[in-house]
Amino acid sequence: MLRRGKAALCLTVFLLCCGCGRGGAEVTVPQVEVVEEPQVSQTEEQKRAELGLDTEAGTVLGEEEVVMMTEEGEPQTAMYTRVRGNGDFSLAYDTSEFSLTASENELRFEALSDGEADDASAFLSLRKEDAPSAEELADQYVAESGEECAVEEVTVGEGEYPAIWVSYAEGTSGDSRTCDLYVFRYNEELYVAQLDCTVADYENLGSAEHMILSTLRFDEG
């Protein structure tokens, strides 16, 4: 909002000059108008709009180049589409490999097969959760899995946000389900990123899901 203020300063000076053999003289200075500089102050709404915080989950924010490694260990560039998350963050993904479903509490990326949604066995879900702490929620996931889990403290996303990683597989066969869970807190919100696929697809689809998670970016300021 711009607030313009105008102050008018009217100054009249009477100067009496006395000199030898000369009469007094009156000098009138013309009216002077002083205009204050406009005061610029952003409202909270404008700040949020500038950061894109008011856009709905799933809103496309633009495209960007992402560098990934091929199976041969060579860098490869791909175009990813960045979208608004269900919070003050965004993620980028390859629209040719994943579909997106967005809601107030979850972003869900499902792997595509021949351009169509797969059987949902391969997906990345980033959602809000309600729990006393990240540690307690991670313990809950371990207990619910019924499997032997790997648990480590790691970082996720572009900002290297601290997270607790819980990983397990429901078997060793190619069609067995694998699950990676990343539990983290940011700005008082508790989030869980869940990456699921089969053992056979872990090297390819699992890597693609982790690539999406690596683009996680929270708004600063």
C-alpha atoms as a PDB file:
ATOM      1  CA  MET A   1       0.000   0.000   0.000  1.00  0.00           C
ATOM      2  CA  LEU A   2       1.377   3.462  -0.843  1.00  0.00           C
ATOM      3  CA  ARG A   3       0.703   6.198   1.648  1.00  0.00           C
ATOM      4  CA  ARG A   4       1.248   9.629   0.216  1.00  0.00           C
ATOM      5  CA  GLY A   5       1.554  12.510   2.544  1.00  0.00           C
ATOM      6  CA  LYS A   6       1.789  16.126   1.534  1.00  0.00           C
ATOM      7  CA  ALA A   7       2.968  18.881   3.794  1.00  0.00           C
ATOM      8  CA  ALA A   8       2.668  22.438   2.707  1.00  0.00           C
ATOM      9  CA  LEU A   9       5.088  24.885   4.198  1.00  0.00           C
ATOM     10  CA  CYS A  10       4.268  28.516   3.713  1.00  0.00           C
ATOM     11  CA  LEU A  11       7.047  30.818   4.674  1.00  0.00           C
ATOM     12  CA  THR A  12       6.935  34.562   4.574  1.00  0.00           C
ATOM     13  CA  VAL A  13       9.986  36.431   5.614  1.00  0.00           C
ATOM     14  CA  PHE A  14      10.051  40.103   6.184  1.00  0.00           C
ATOM     15  CA  LEU A  15      13.486  41.537   5.922  1.00  0.00           C
ATOM     16  CA  LEU A  16      14.058  45.075   6.975  1.00  0.00           C
ATOM     17  CA  CYS A  17      17.132  46.558   5.550  1.00  0.00           C
ATOM     18  CA  CYS A  18      18.382  49.778   7.040  1.00  0.00           C
ATOM     19  CA  GLY A  19      21.149  51.739   5.387  1.00  0.00           C
ATOM     20  CA  CYS A  20      22.599  55.117   5.524  1.00  0.00           C
ATOM     21  CA  GLY A  21      20.351  57.433   3.565  1.00  0.00           C
ATOM     22  CA  ARG A  22      18.143  54.513   2.437  1.00  0.00           C
ATOM     23  CA  GLY A  23      14.625  53.498   3.515  1.00  0.00           C
ATOM     24  CA  GLY A  24      13.597  50.076   4.822  1.00  0.00           C
ATOM     25  CA  ALA A  25      12.801  47.402   2.218  1.00  0.00           C
ATOM     26  CA  GLU A  26      10.366  44.508   2.593  1.00  0.00           C
ATOM     27  CA  VAL A  27      11.211  41.233   0.851  1.00  0.00           C
ATOM     28  CA  THR A  28       8.546  38.574   0.483  1.00  0.00           C
ATOM     29  CA  VAL A  29       9.644  34.997  -0.246  1.00  0.00           C
ATOM     30  CA  PRO A  30       7.132  33.124  -2.443  1.00  0.00           C
ATOM     31  CA  GLN A  31       5.171  30.239  -0.952  1.00  0.00           C
ATOM     32  CA  VAL A  32       7.259  27.048  -0.866  1.00  0.00           C
ATOM     33  CA  GLU A  33       5.543  23.658  -1.111  1.00  0.00           C
ATOM     34  CA  VAL A  34       7.490  20.702   0.307  1.00  0.00           C
ATOM     35  CA  VAL A  35       6.265  17.298  -0.847  1.00  0.00           C
ATOM     36  CA  GLU A  36       7.264  14.319   1.273  1.00  0.00           C
ATOM     37  CA  GLU A  37       8.649  11.212  -0.448  1.00  0.00           C
ATOM     38  CA  PRO A  38       6.032   8.462  -0.752  1.00  0.00           C
ATOM     39  CA  GLN A  39       6.276   5.933   2.069  1.00  0.00           C
ATOM     40  CA  VAL A  40       6.294   2.380   0.753  1.00  0.00           C
ATOM     41  CA  SER A  41       5.238  -0.391   3.091  1.00  0.00           C
ATOM     42  CA  GLN A  42       4.211  -3.905   2.063  1.00  0.00           C
ATOM     43  CA  THR A  43       1.243  -5.491   3.688  1.00  0.00           C
ATOM     44  CA  GLU A  44       1.520  -9.061   4.933  1.00  0.00           C
ATOM     45  CA  GLU A  45      -0.723 -10.110   2.043  1.00  0.00           C
ATOM     46  CA  GLN A  46       1.643  -8.541  -0.492  1.00  0.00           C
ATOM     47  CA  LYS A  47       4.643 -10.235   1.077  1.00  0.00           C
ATOM     48  CA  ARG A  48       2.912 -13.615   0.963  1.00  0.00           C
ATOM     49  CA  ALA A  49       1.851 -13.047  -2.646  1.00  0.00           C
ATOM     50  CA  GLU A  50       5.417 -12.075  -3.583  1.00  0.00           C
ATOM     51  CA  LEU A  51       6.691 -15.345  -2.112  1.00  0.00           C
ATOM     52  CA  GLY A  52       3.899 -17.274  -3.756  1.00  0.00           C
ATOM     53  CA  LEU A  53       2.557 -18.460  -0.417  1.00  0.00           C
ATOM     54  CA  ASP A  54      -1.059 -17.872  -1.386  1.00  0.00           C
ATOM     55  CA  THR A  55      -1.047 -20.067  -4.469  1.00  0.00           C
ATOM     56  CA  GLU A  56      -2.811 -23.391  -4.243  1.00  0.00           C
ATOM     57  CA  ALA A  57      -0.973 -26.677  -3.854  1.00  0.00           C
ATOM     58  CA  GLY A  58      -0.010 -28.042  -7.257  1.00  0.00           C
ATOM     59  CA  THR A  59       0.164 -24.626  -8.945  1.00  0.00           C
ATOM     60  CA  VAL A  60       2.889 -24.604 -11.596  1.00  0.00           C
ATOM     61  CA  LEU A  61       5.598 -22.065 -10.748  1.00  0.00           C
ATOM     62  CA  GLY A  62       7.838 -22.597 -13.773  1.00  0.00           C
ATOM     63  CA  GLU A  63      10.396 -24.890 -15.357  1.00  0.00           C
ATOM     64  CA  GLU A  64      14.034 -25.425 -14.495  1.00  0.00           C
ATOM     65  CA  GLU A  65      16.994 -27.525 -15.517  1.00  0.00           C
ATOM     66  CA  VAL A  66      18.011 -30.348 -13.220  1.00  0.00           C
ATOM     67  CA  VAL A  67      21.289 -32.232 -13.504  1.00  0.00           C
ATOM     68  CA  MET A  68      21.162 -35.942 -12.723  1.00  0.00           C
ATOM     69  CA  MET A  69      23.552 -38.845 -13.090  1.00  0.00           C
ATOM     70  CA  THR A  70      22.997 -41.607 -15.638  1.00  0.00           C
ATOM     71  CA  GLU A  71      23.583 -45.295 -14.899  1.00  0.00           C
ATOM     72  CA  GLU A  72      27.009 -44.859 -16.475  1.00  0.00           C
ATOM     73  CA  GLY A  73      27.812 -42.079 -14.014  1.00  0.00           C
ATOM     74  CA  GLU A  74      27.556 -39.300 -16.586  1.00  0.00           C
ATOM     75  CA  PRO A  75      25.749 -36.000 -15.818  1.00  0.00           C
ATOM     76  CA  GLN A  76      22.539 -35.483 -17.755  1.00  0.00           C
ATOM     77  CA  THR A  77      20.272 -32.422 -17.894  1.00  0.00           C
ATOM     78  CA  ALA A  78      16.482 -32.704 -17.727  1.00  0.00           C
ATOM     79  CA  MET A  79      13.658 -30.154 -17.608  1.00  0.00           C
ATOM     80  CA  TYR A  80      11.598 -30.323 -14.419  1.00  0.00           C
ATOM     81  CA  THR A  81       8.368 -28.476 -13.621  1.00  0.00           C
ATOM     82  CA  ARG A  82       8.324 -26.739 -10.228  1.00  0.00           C
ATOM     83  CA  VAL A  83       5.014 -26.724  -8.358  1.00  0.00           C
ATOM     84  CA  ARG A  84       3.726 -25.201  -5.143  1.00  0.00           C
ATOM     85  CA  GLY A  85       3.500 -27.613  -2.230  1.00  0.00           C
ATOM     86  CA  ASN A  86       0.931 -27.958   0.527  1.00  0.00           C
ATOM     87  CA  GLY A  87       2.890 -25.516   2.664  1.00  0.00           C
ATOM     88  CA  ASP A  88       5.529 -22.825   2.210  1.00  0.00           C
ATOM     89  CA  PHE A  89       7.646 -25.016  -0.060  1.00  0.00           C
ATOM     90  CA  SER A  90       7.882 -26.209  -3.655  1.00  0.00           C
ATOM     91  CA  LEU A  91       9.059 -29.317  -5.511  1.00  0.00           C
ATOM     92  CA  ALA A  92      10.101 -30.006  -9.103  1.00  0.00           C
ATOM     93  CA  TYR A  93       9.406 -33.154 -11.114  1.00  0.00           C
ATOM     94  CA  ASP A  94       9.552 -34.659 -14.600  1.00  0.00           C
ATOM     95  CA  THR A  95       6.022 -34.498 -16.024  1.00  0.00           C
ATOM     96  CA  SER A  96       6.872 -37.218 -18.548  1.00  0.00           C
ATOM     97  CA  GLU A  97       7.589 -39.703 -15.737  1.00  0.00           C
ATOM     98  CA  PHE A  98       5.113 -38.764 -12.999  1.00  0.00           C
ATOM     99  CA  SER A  99       1.571 -37.499 -12.566  1.00  0.00           C
ATOM    100  CA  LEU A 100       0.663 -35.139  -9.734  1.00  0.00           C
ATOM    101  CA  THR A 101      -2.288 -35.051  -7.367  1.00  0.00           C
ATOM    102  CA  ALA A 102      -2.390 -32.134  -4.929  1.00  0.00           C
ATOM    103  CA  SER A 103      -4.529 -31.462  -1.876  1.00  0.00           C
ATOM    104  CA  GLU A 104      -4.349 -29.292   1.214  1.00  0.00           C
ATOM    105  CA  ASN A 105      -2.389 -31.922   3.129  1.00  0.00           C
ATOM    106  CA  GLU A 106      -0.550 -33.924   0.473  1.00  0.00           C
ATOM    107  CA  LEU A 107       1.376 -33.801  -2.787  1.00  0.00           C
ATOM    108  CA  ARG A 108       1.398 -37.202  -4.488  1.00  0.00           C
ATOM    109  CA  PHE A 109       3.568 -38.033  -7.497  1.00  0.00           C
ATOM    110  CA  GLU A 110       2.706 -41.348  -9.168  1.00  0.00           C
ATOM    111  CA  ALA A 111       4.924 -43.044 -11.738  1.00  0.00           C
ATOM    112  CA  LEU A 112       3.571 -43.177 -15.285  1.00  0.00           C
ATOM    113  CA  SER A 113       3.604 -46.276 -17.469  1.00  0.00           C
ATOM    114  CA  ASP A 114       3.319 -45.555 -21.198  1.00  0.00           C
ATOM    115  CA  GLY A 115       2.103 -42.056 -20.383  1.00  0.00           C
ATOM    116  CA  GLU A 116      -0.629 -43.229 -18.002  1.00  0.00           C
ATOM    117  CA  ALA A 117      -0.789 -43.637 -14.252  1.00  0.00           C
ATOM    118  CA  ASP A 118       0.767 -46.917 -13.138  1.00  0.00           C
ATOM    119  CA  ASP A 119      -0.748 -49.262 -10.561  1.00  0.00           C
ATOM    120  CA  ALA A 120       0.385 -46.794  -7.874  1.00  0.00           C
ATOM    121  CA  SER A 121       3.078 -49.181  -6.655  1.00  0.00           C
ATOM    122  CA  ALA A 122       5.627 -46.433  -7.337  1.00  0.00           C
ATOM    123  CA  PHE A 123       4.899 -43.034  -5.845  1.00  0.00           C
ATOM    124  CA  LEU A 124       6.228 -40.174  -3.749  1.00  0.00           C
ATOM    125  CA  SER A 125       3.906 -38.682  -1.156  1.00  0.00           C
ATOM    126  CA  LEU A 126       4.831 -35.535   0.765  1.00  0.00           C
ATOM    127  CA  ARG A 127       2.268 -34.825   3.451  1.00  0.00           C
ATOM    128  CA  LYS A 128       1.716 -33.073   6.743  1.00  0.00           C
ATOM    129  CA  GLU A 129       1.477 -35.188   9.880  1.00  0.00           C
ATOM    130  CA  ASP A 130       0.417 -34.596  13.468  1.00  0.00           C
ATOM    131  CA  ALA A 131       2.739 -35.986  16.128  1.00  0.00           C
ATOM    132  CA  PRO A 132       4.580 -34.707  19.209  1.00  0.00           C
ATOM    133  CA  SER A 133       7.958 -34.995  17.476  1.00  0.00           C
ATOM    134  CA  ALA A 134       9.725 -36.314  14.403  1.00  0.00           C
ATOM    135  CA  GLU A 135      11.430 -38.947  16.550  1.00  0.00           C
ATOM    136  CA  GLU A 136       8.156 -40.334  17.891  1.00  0.00           C
ATOM    137  CA  LEU A 137       6.612 -40.434  14.429  1.00  0.00           C
ATOM    138  CA  ALA A 138       9.651 -42.255  13.047  1.00  0.00           C
ATOM    139  CA  ASP A 139       9.382 -44.802  15.873  1.00  0.00           C
ATOM    140  CA  GLN A 140       5.707 -45.258  15.015  1.00  0.00           C
ATOM    141  CA  TYR A 141       6.536 -46.014  11.372  1.00  0.00           C
ATOM    142  CA  VAL A 142       9.149 -48.556  12.436  1.00  0.00           C
ATOM    143  CA  ALA A 143       6.641 -50.320  14.688  1.00  0.00           C
ATOM    144  CA  GLU A 144       3.903 -50.313  12.032  1.00  0.00           C
ATOM    145  CA  SER A 145       6.169 -51.687   9.296  1.00  0.00           C
ATOM    146  CA  GLY A 146       6.634 -55.054  10.957  1.00  0.00           C
ATOM    147  CA  GLU A 147       9.971 -55.250   9.148  1.00  0.00           C
ATOM    148  CA  GLU A 148      13.599 -54.782  10.014  1.00  0.00           C
ATOM    149  CA  CYS A 149      14.228 -51.087   9.371  1.00  0.00           C
ATOM    150  CA  ALA A 150      17.259 -48.950   8.753  1.00  0.00           C
ATOM    151  CA  VAL A 151      17.005 -45.670  10.683  1.00  0.00           C
ATOM    152  CA  GLU A 152      19.406 -42.767  10.212  1.00  0.00           C
ATOM    153  CA  GLU A 153      19.618 -39.005  10.618  1.00  0.00           C
ATOM    154  CA  VAL A 154      20.023 -37.443   7.170  1.00  0.00           C
ATOM    155  CA  THR A 155      19.277 -34.225   5.288  1.00  0.00           C
ATOM    156  CA  VAL A 156      16.834 -33.695   2.421  1.00  0.00           C
ATOM    157  CA  GLY A 157      16.168 -31.079  -0.232  1.00  0.00           C
ATOM    158  CA  GLU A 158      18.093 -28.132  -1.582  1.00  0.00           C
ATOM    159  CA  GLY A 159      18.336 -26.590   1.871  1.00  0.00           C
ATOM    160  CA  GLU A 160      19.663 -29.817   3.409  1.00  0.00           C
ATOM    161  CA  TYR A 161      16.856 -29.907   5.947  1.00  0.00           C
ATOM    162  CA  PRO A 162      17.485 -32.335   8.847  1.00  0.00           C
ATOM    163  CA  ALA A 163      15.318 -35.456   8.676  1.00  0.00           C
ATOM    164  CA  ILE A 164      14.980 -38.946  10.106  1.00  0.00           C
ATOM    165  CA  TRP A 165      15.159 -41.635   7.438  1.00  0.00           C
ATOM    166  CA  VAL A 166      13.310 -44.932   7.921  1.00  0.00           C
ATOM    167  CA  SER A 167      13.820 -47.574   5.218  1.00  0.00           C
ATOM    168  CA  TYR A 168      12.579 -51.130   4.821  1.00  0.00           C
ATOM    169  CA  ALA A 169      11.532 -53.757   2.265  1.00  0.00           C
ATOM    170  CA  GLU A 170       8.695 -56.245   2.591  1.00  0.00           C
ATOM    171  CA  GLY A 171      10.700 -59.023   0.967  1.00  0.00           C
ATOM    172  CA  THR A 172      13.535 -59.743  -1.427  1.00  0.00           C
ATOM    173  CA  SER A 173      11.653 -60.710  -4.584  1.00  0.00           C
ATOM    174  CA  GLY A 174      11.432 -58.257  -7.458  1.00  0.00           C
ATOM    175  CA  ASP A 175       7.786 -57.441  -6.821  1.00  0.00           C
ATOM    176  CA  SER A 176       8.270 -56.862  -3.085  1.00  0.00           C
ATOM    177  CA  ARG A 177       7.490 -53.352  -1.856  1.00  0.00           C
ATOM    178  CA  THR A 178      10.207 -51.028  -0.622  1.00  0.00           C
ATOM    179  CA  CYS A 179       9.524 -47.907   1.405  1.00  0.00           C
ATOM    180  CA  ASP A 180      11.682 -44.920   2.314  1.00  0.00           C
ATOM    181  CA  LEU A 181      10.257 -42.452   4.829  1.00  0.00           C
ATOM    182  CA  TYR A 182      11.787 -39.057   5.601  1.00  0.00           C
ATOM    183  CA  VAL A 183      10.352 -37.351   8.672  1.00  0.00           C
ATOM    184  CA  PHE A 184      11.236 -33.708   9.243  1.00  0.00           C
ATOM    185  CA  ARG A 185       9.956 -30.494  10.783  1.00  0.00           C
ATOM    186  CA  TYR A 186      10.059 -27.021   9.274  1.00  0.00           C
ATOM    187  CA  ASN A 187       8.393 -23.821  10.540  1.00  0.00           C
ATOM    188  CA  GLU A 188       6.518 -25.763  13.228  1.00  0.00           C
ATOM    189  CA  GLU A 189       5.002 -28.104  10.627  1.00  0.00           C
ATOM    190  CA  LEU A 190       5.778 -31.822  10.673  1.00  0.00           C
ATOM    191  CA  TYR A 191       6.186 -33.433   7.244  1.00  0.00           C
ATOM    192  CA  VAL A 192       6.690 -36.954   5.943  1.00  0.00           C
ATOM    193  CA  ALA A 193       8.034 -37.804   2.507  1.00  0.00           C
ATOM    194  CA  GLN A 194       7.152 -41.398   1.594  1.00  0.00           C
ATOM    195  CA  LEU A 195       8.839 -42.998  -1.426  1.00  0.00           C
ATOM    196  CA  ASP A 196       7.437 -46.374  -2.491  1.00  0.00           C
ATOM    197  CA  CYS A 197       8.276 -48.737  -5.334  1.00  0.00           C
ATOM    198  CA  THR A 198       9.160 -52.396  -5.898  1.00  0.00           C
ATOM    199  CA  VAL A 199      12.554 -53.957  -5.316  1.00  0.00           C
ATOM    200  CA  ALA A 200      12.939 -54.436  -9.074  1.00  0.00           C
ATOM    201  CA  ASP A 201      12.184 -50.756  -9.760  1.00  0.00           C
ATOM    202  CA  TYR A 202      14.201 -49.290  -6.911  1.00  0.00           C
ATOM    203  CA  GLU A 203      17.271 -48.506  -8.971  1.00  0.00           C
ATOM    204  CA  ASN A 204      15.331 -46.559 -11.605  1.00  0.00           C
ATOM    205  CA  LEU A 205      12.015 -45.351 -10.182  1.00  0.00           C
ATOM    206  CA  GLY A 206      13.413 -45.144  -6.674  1.00  0.00           C
ATOM    207  CA  SER A 207      16.192 -42.890  -7.945  1.00  0.00           C
ATOM    208  CA  ALA A 208      13.664 -40.750  -9.829  1.00  0.00           C
ATOM    209  CA  GLU A 209      11.585 -40.345  -6.666  1.00  0.00           C
ATOM    210  CA  HIS A 210      14.655 -39.321  -4.680  1.00  0.00           C
ATOM    211  CA  MET A 211      15.500 -36.839  -7.434  1.00  0.00           C
ATOM    212  CA  ILE A 212      12.125 -35.153  -6.886  1.00  0.00           C
ATOM    213  CA  LEU A 213      12.750 -34.991  -3.139  1.00  0.00           C
ATOM    214  CA  SER A 214      16.174 -33.448  -3.746  1.00  0.00           C
ATOM    215  CA  THR A 215      14.449 -30.406  -5.313  1.00  0.00           C
ATOM    216  CA  LEU A 216      12.534 -29.614  -2.092  1.00  0.00           C
ATOM    217  CA  ARG A 217      12.830 -25.897  -1.414  1.00  0.00           C
ATOM    218  CA  PHE A 218      11.235 -23.965   1.437  1.00  0.00           C
ATOM    219  CA  ASP A 219      10.540 -20.251   1.043  1.00  0.00           C
ATOM    220  CA  GLU A 220      12.944 -18.085   2.971  1.00  0.00           C
ATOM    221  CA  GLY A 221      11.957 -14.893   4.771  1.00  0.00           C
END
